């Protein structure tokens, strides 16, 4: 494969040229890198956090994302959805949002919209791991 992924740049690394430099190895940065990888570009992803932290299954800083149908289609296009669903994607059917300082509230119910579910709740590290695996394939 003609493209490369530099996972961390340090000041003492020799000068390298990249077509695209992505600042941040979170979900958005890694998804962008995966999407660009088929264009035969030299891609660098700069991330301040050690990658081994992402792969630590005992990561105590558990953060999750609510992935809707459009985001699921993007993850399918990037060919990471199957890996994500085997690692832990939990469907949600209804969500309520409110402001604690007012009486405002809104409810989204998949059944009322004719859908079995609205999306999936997925740990961020699961999404990042799948995207990183894809980058190295």
C-alpha atoms as a PDB file:
ATOM      1  CA  UNK A   1       0.000   0.000   0.000  1.00  0.00           C
ATOM      2  CA  UNK A   2       1.379   3.395  -0.962  1.00  0.00           C
ATOM      3  CA  UNK A   3       0.074   5.443   1.927  1.00  0.00           C
ATOM      4  CA  UNK A   4       1.393   5.563   5.450  1.00  0.00           C
ATOM      5  CA  UNK A   5       0.128   6.476   8.851  1.00  0.00           C
ATOM      6  CA  UNK A   6       2.371   8.198  11.329  1.00  0.00           C
ATOM      7  CA  UNK A   7       0.728   7.682  14.682  1.00  0.00           C
ATOM      8  CA  UNK A   8       2.812  10.118  16.657  1.00  0.00           C
ATOM      9  CA  UNK A   9       5.239  12.812  15.674  1.00  0.00           C
ATOM     10  CA  UNK A  10       8.022  13.924  18.008  1.00  0.00           C
ATOM     11  CA  UNK A  11      10.455  16.796  17.680  1.00  0.00           C
ATOM     12  CA  UNK A  12      13.419  14.498  17.241  1.00  0.00           C
ATOM     13  CA  UNK A  13      11.917  12.595  14.291  1.00  0.00           C
ATOM     14  CA  UNK A  14      13.578  13.183  10.921  1.00  0.00           C
ATOM     15  CA  UNK A  15      11.727  15.572   8.621  1.00  0.00           C
ATOM     16  CA  UNK A  16       8.939  13.788   6.762  1.00  0.00           C
ATOM     17  CA  UNK A  17       6.478  14.976   4.154  1.00  0.00           C
ATOM     18  CA  UNK A  18       2.773  14.277   4.414  1.00  0.00           C
ATOM     19  CA  UNK A  19      -0.116  15.133   2.134  1.00  0.00           C
ATOM     20  CA  UNK A  20      -2.510  15.372   5.067  1.00  0.00           C
ATOM     21  CA  UNK A  21      -1.783  15.967   8.756  1.00  0.00           C
ATOM     22  CA  UNK A  22      -4.700  15.317  11.107  1.00  0.00           C
ATOM     23  CA  UNK A  23      -4.564  16.864  14.557  1.00  0.00           C
ATOM     24  CA  UNK A  24      -6.248  14.387  16.907  1.00  0.00           C
ATOM     25  CA  UNK A  25      -6.638  10.646  16.954  1.00  0.00           C
ATOM     26  CA  UNK A  26     -10.175  10.650  18.271  1.00  0.00           C
ATOM     27  CA  UNK A  27     -13.136   9.236  16.410  1.00  0.00           C
ATOM     28  CA  UNK A  28     -13.364  12.102  13.907  1.00  0.00           C
ATOM     29  CA  UNK A  29      -9.634  12.250  13.164  1.00  0.00           C
ATOM     30  CA  UNK A  30      -9.313   8.494  12.707  1.00  0.00           C
ATOM     31  CA  UNK A  31     -12.473   8.332  10.580  1.00  0.00           C
ATOM     32  CA  UNK A  32     -11.040  11.052   8.338  1.00  0.00           C
ATOM     33  CA  UNK A  33      -7.744   9.169   8.087  1.00  0.00           C
ATOM     34  CA  UNK A  34      -9.581   5.950   7.169  1.00  0.00           C
ATOM     35  CA  UNK A  35     -11.639   7.767   4.563  1.00  0.00           C
ATOM     36  CA  UNK A  36      -8.553   9.302   2.956  1.00  0.00           C
ATOM     37  CA  UNK A  37      -6.372   6.194   3.023  1.00  0.00           C
ATOM     38  CA  UNK A  38      -7.672   4.836  -0.294  1.00  0.00           C
ATOM     39  CA  UNK A  39      -6.477   7.994  -2.093  1.00  0.00           C
ATOM     40  CA  UNK A  40      -2.813   6.974  -1.952  1.00  0.00           C
ATOM     41  CA  UNK A  41      -1.969   9.879   0.342  1.00  0.00           C
ATOM     42  CA  UNK A  42       0.724  10.131   2.985  1.00  0.00           C
ATOM     43  CA  UNK A  43      -1.301  10.689   6.161  1.00  0.00           C
ATOM     44  CA  UNK A  44      -0.098  11.626   9.634  1.00  0.00           C
ATOM     45  CA  UNK A  45      -2.319  11.531  12.698  1.00  0.00           C
ATOM     46  CA  UNK A  46      -0.970  13.528  15.626  1.00  0.00           C
ATOM     47  CA  UNK A  47      -2.263  12.391  19.004  1.00  0.00           C
ATOM     48  CA  UNK A  48      -0.961  13.484  22.407  1.00  0.00           C
ATOM     49  CA  UNK A  49      -2.253  10.367  24.153  1.00  0.00           C
ATOM     50  CA  UNK A  50      -0.366   7.078  23.895  1.00  0.00           C
ATOM     51  CA  UNK A  51      -2.124   4.646  21.538  1.00  0.00           C
ATOM     52  CA  UNK A  52      -1.734   1.846  24.075  1.00  0.00           C
ATOM     53  CA  UNK A  53      -4.228   3.767  26.248  1.00  0.00           C
ATOM     54  CA  UNK A  54      -6.883   3.293  23.561  1.00  0.00           C
ATOM     55  CA  UNK A  55      -6.216  -0.445  23.436  1.00  0.00           C
ATOM     56  CA  UNK A  56      -6.413  -0.891  27.207  1.00  0.00           C
ATOM     57  CA  UNK A  57      -9.614  -2.860  27.832  1.00  0.00           C
ATOM     58  CA  UNK A  58      -9.505  -1.797  31.472  1.00  0.00           C
ATOM     59  CA  UNK A  59      -9.581   1.896  30.545  1.00  0.00           C
ATOM     60  CA  UNK A  60     -11.413   3.557  33.425  1.00  0.00           C
ATOM     61  CA  UNK A  61     -12.194   6.758  31.486  1.00  0.00           C
ATOM     62  CA  UNK A  62     -15.164   5.133  29.764  1.00  0.00           C
ATOM     63  CA  UNK A  63     -16.822   7.540  27.376  1.00  0.00           C
ATOM     64  CA  UNK A  64     -19.531   6.524  24.961  1.00  0.00           C
ATOM     65  CA  UNK A  65     -21.083   7.954  21.816  1.00  0.00           C
ATOM     66  CA  UNK A  66     -24.658   7.724  20.568  1.00  0.00           C
ATOM     67  CA  UNK A  67     -24.269   6.689  16.935  1.00  0.00           C
ATOM     68  CA  UNK A  68     -27.240   7.478  14.686  1.00  0.00           C
ATOM     69  CA  UNK A  69     -28.145   5.856  11.344  1.00  0.00           C
ATOM     70  CA  UNK A  70     -26.065   8.312   9.293  1.00  0.00           C
ATOM     71  CA  UNK A  71     -22.971   7.713  11.431  1.00  0.00           C
ATOM     72  CA  UNK A  72     -23.563   3.953  11.201  1.00  0.00           C
ATOM     73  CA  UNK A  73     -23.578   4.236   7.386  1.00  0.00           C
ATOM     74  CA  UNK A  74     -20.265   6.119   7.505  1.00  0.00           C
ATOM     75  CA  UNK A  75     -18.727   3.433   9.731  1.00  0.00           C
ATOM     76  CA  UNK A  76     -20.040   0.775   7.336  1.00  0.00           C
ATOM     77  CA  UNK A  77     -18.499   2.651   4.396  1.00  0.00           C
ATOM     78  CA  UNK A  78     -15.179   2.768   6.260  1.00  0.00           C
ATOM     79  CA  UNK A  79     -15.533  -1.022   6.741  1.00  0.00           C
ATOM     80  CA  UNK A  80     -15.338  -0.934  10.540  1.00  0.00           C
ATOM     81  CA  UNK A  81     -18.979  -1.471  11.520  1.00  0.00           C
ATOM     82  CA  UNK A  82     -18.758  -5.271  11.775  1.00  0.00           C
ATOM     83  CA  UNK A  83     -15.800  -5.067  14.145  1.00  0.00           C
ATOM     84  CA  UNK A  84     -17.577  -2.438  16.228  1.00  0.00           C
ATOM     85  CA  UNK A  85     -20.747  -4.516  16.603  1.00  0.00           C
ATOM     86  CA  UNK A  86     -18.785  -7.568  17.743  1.00  0.00           C
ATOM     87  CA  UNK A  87     -17.009  -5.488  20.415  1.00  0.00           C
ATOM     88  CA  UNK A  88     -20.043  -3.822  21.942  1.00  0.00           C
ATOM     89  CA  UNK A  89     -22.713  -1.740  20.213  1.00  0.00           C
ATOM     90  CA  UNK A  90     -25.909  -1.482  22.244  1.00  0.00           C
ATOM     91  CA  UNK A  91     -29.045  -0.266  20.463  1.00  0.00           C
ATOM     92  CA  UNK A  92     -31.178   2.499  21.910  1.00  0.00           C
ATOM     93  CA  UNK A  93     -34.818   2.901  21.011  1.00  0.00           C
ATOM     94  CA  UNK A  94     -35.797   6.060  22.868  1.00  0.00           C
ATOM     95  CA  UNK A  95     -33.983   9.124  24.148  1.00  0.00           C
ATOM     96  CA  UNK A  96     -35.162  12.020  26.286  1.00  0.00           C
ATOM     97  CA  UNK A  97     -33.341  15.340  26.484  1.00  0.00           C
ATOM     98  CA  UNK A  98     -34.101  18.110  28.952  1.00  0.00           C
ATOM     99  CA  UNK A  99     -32.630  21.207  30.465  1.00  0.00           C
ATOM    100  CA  UNK A 100     -32.344  21.065  34.240  1.00  0.00           C
ATOM    101  CA  UNK A 101     -32.891  24.834  34.470  1.00  0.00           C
ATOM    102  CA  UNK A 102     -36.211  24.924  32.592  1.00  0.00           C
ATOM    103  CA  UNK A 103     -39.281  22.916  31.749  1.00  0.00           C
ATOM    104  CA  UNK A 104     -38.103  22.190  28.211  1.00  0.00           C
ATOM    105  CA  UNK A 105     -37.983  18.531  27.195  1.00  0.00           C
ATOM    106  CA  UNK A 106     -37.924  16.592  23.963  1.00  0.00           C
ATOM    107  CA  UNK A 107     -38.410  12.857  23.405  1.00  0.00           C
ATOM    108  CA  UNK A 108     -37.306  10.835  20.402  1.00  0.00           C
ATOM    109  CA  UNK A 109     -38.951   7.416  20.184  1.00  0.00           C
ATOM    110  CA  UNK A 110     -37.905   5.005  17.452  1.00  0.00           C
ATOM    111  CA  UNK A 111     -41.246   3.169  17.529  1.00  0.00           C
ATOM    112  CA  UNK A 112     -43.108   6.414  16.845  1.00  0.00           C
ATOM    113  CA  UNK A 113     -40.757   7.079  13.937  1.00  0.00           C
ATOM    114  CA  UNK A 114     -41.231   3.580  12.502  1.00  0.00           C
ATOM    115  CA  UNK A 115     -37.744   2.376  13.472  1.00  0.00           C
ATOM    116  CA  UNK A 116     -36.763  -0.495  15.733  1.00  0.00           C
ATOM    117  CA  UNK A 117     -33.981   1.666  17.129  1.00  0.00           C
ATOM    118  CA  UNK A 118     -32.684   5.196  16.861  1.00  0.00           C
ATOM    119  CA  UNK A 119     -29.022   4.217  16.975  1.00  0.00           C
ATOM    120  CA  UNK A 120     -26.365   2.584  19.115  1.00  0.00           C
ATOM    121  CA  UNK A 121     -24.471   3.450  22.289  1.00  0.00           C
ATOM    122  CA  UNK A 122     -20.824   2.494  21.732  1.00  0.00           C
ATOM    123  CA  UNK A 123     -17.729   3.028  23.887  1.00  0.00           C
ATOM    124  CA  UNK A 124     -15.438   5.521  22.151  1.00  0.00           C
ATOM    125  CA  UNK A 125     -12.445   3.207  22.577  1.00  0.00           C
ATOM    126  CA  UNK A 126     -14.279   0.475  20.617  1.00  0.00           C
ATOM    127  CA  UNK A 127     -14.787   2.860  17.694  1.00  0.00           C
ATOM    128  CA  UNK A 128     -11.188   4.108  17.876  1.00  0.00           C
ATOM    129  CA  UNK A 129      -9.807   0.569  18.014  1.00  0.00           C
ATOM    130  CA  UNK A 130     -11.792  -0.481  14.952  1.00  0.00           C
ATOM    131  CA  UNK A 131     -10.643   2.601  13.029  1.00  0.00           C
ATOM    132  CA  UNK A 132      -6.995   2.011  14.021  1.00  0.00           C
ATOM    133  CA  UNK A 133      -7.222  -1.651  12.974  1.00  0.00           C
ATOM    134  CA  UNK A 134      -8.598  -0.526   9.607  1.00  0.00           C
ATOM    135  CA  UNK A 135      -5.788   1.976   9.162  1.00  0.00           C
ATOM    136  CA  UNK A 136      -3.174  -0.769   9.578  1.00  0.00           C
ATOM    137  CA  UNK A 137      -4.811  -3.219   7.163  1.00  0.00           C
END
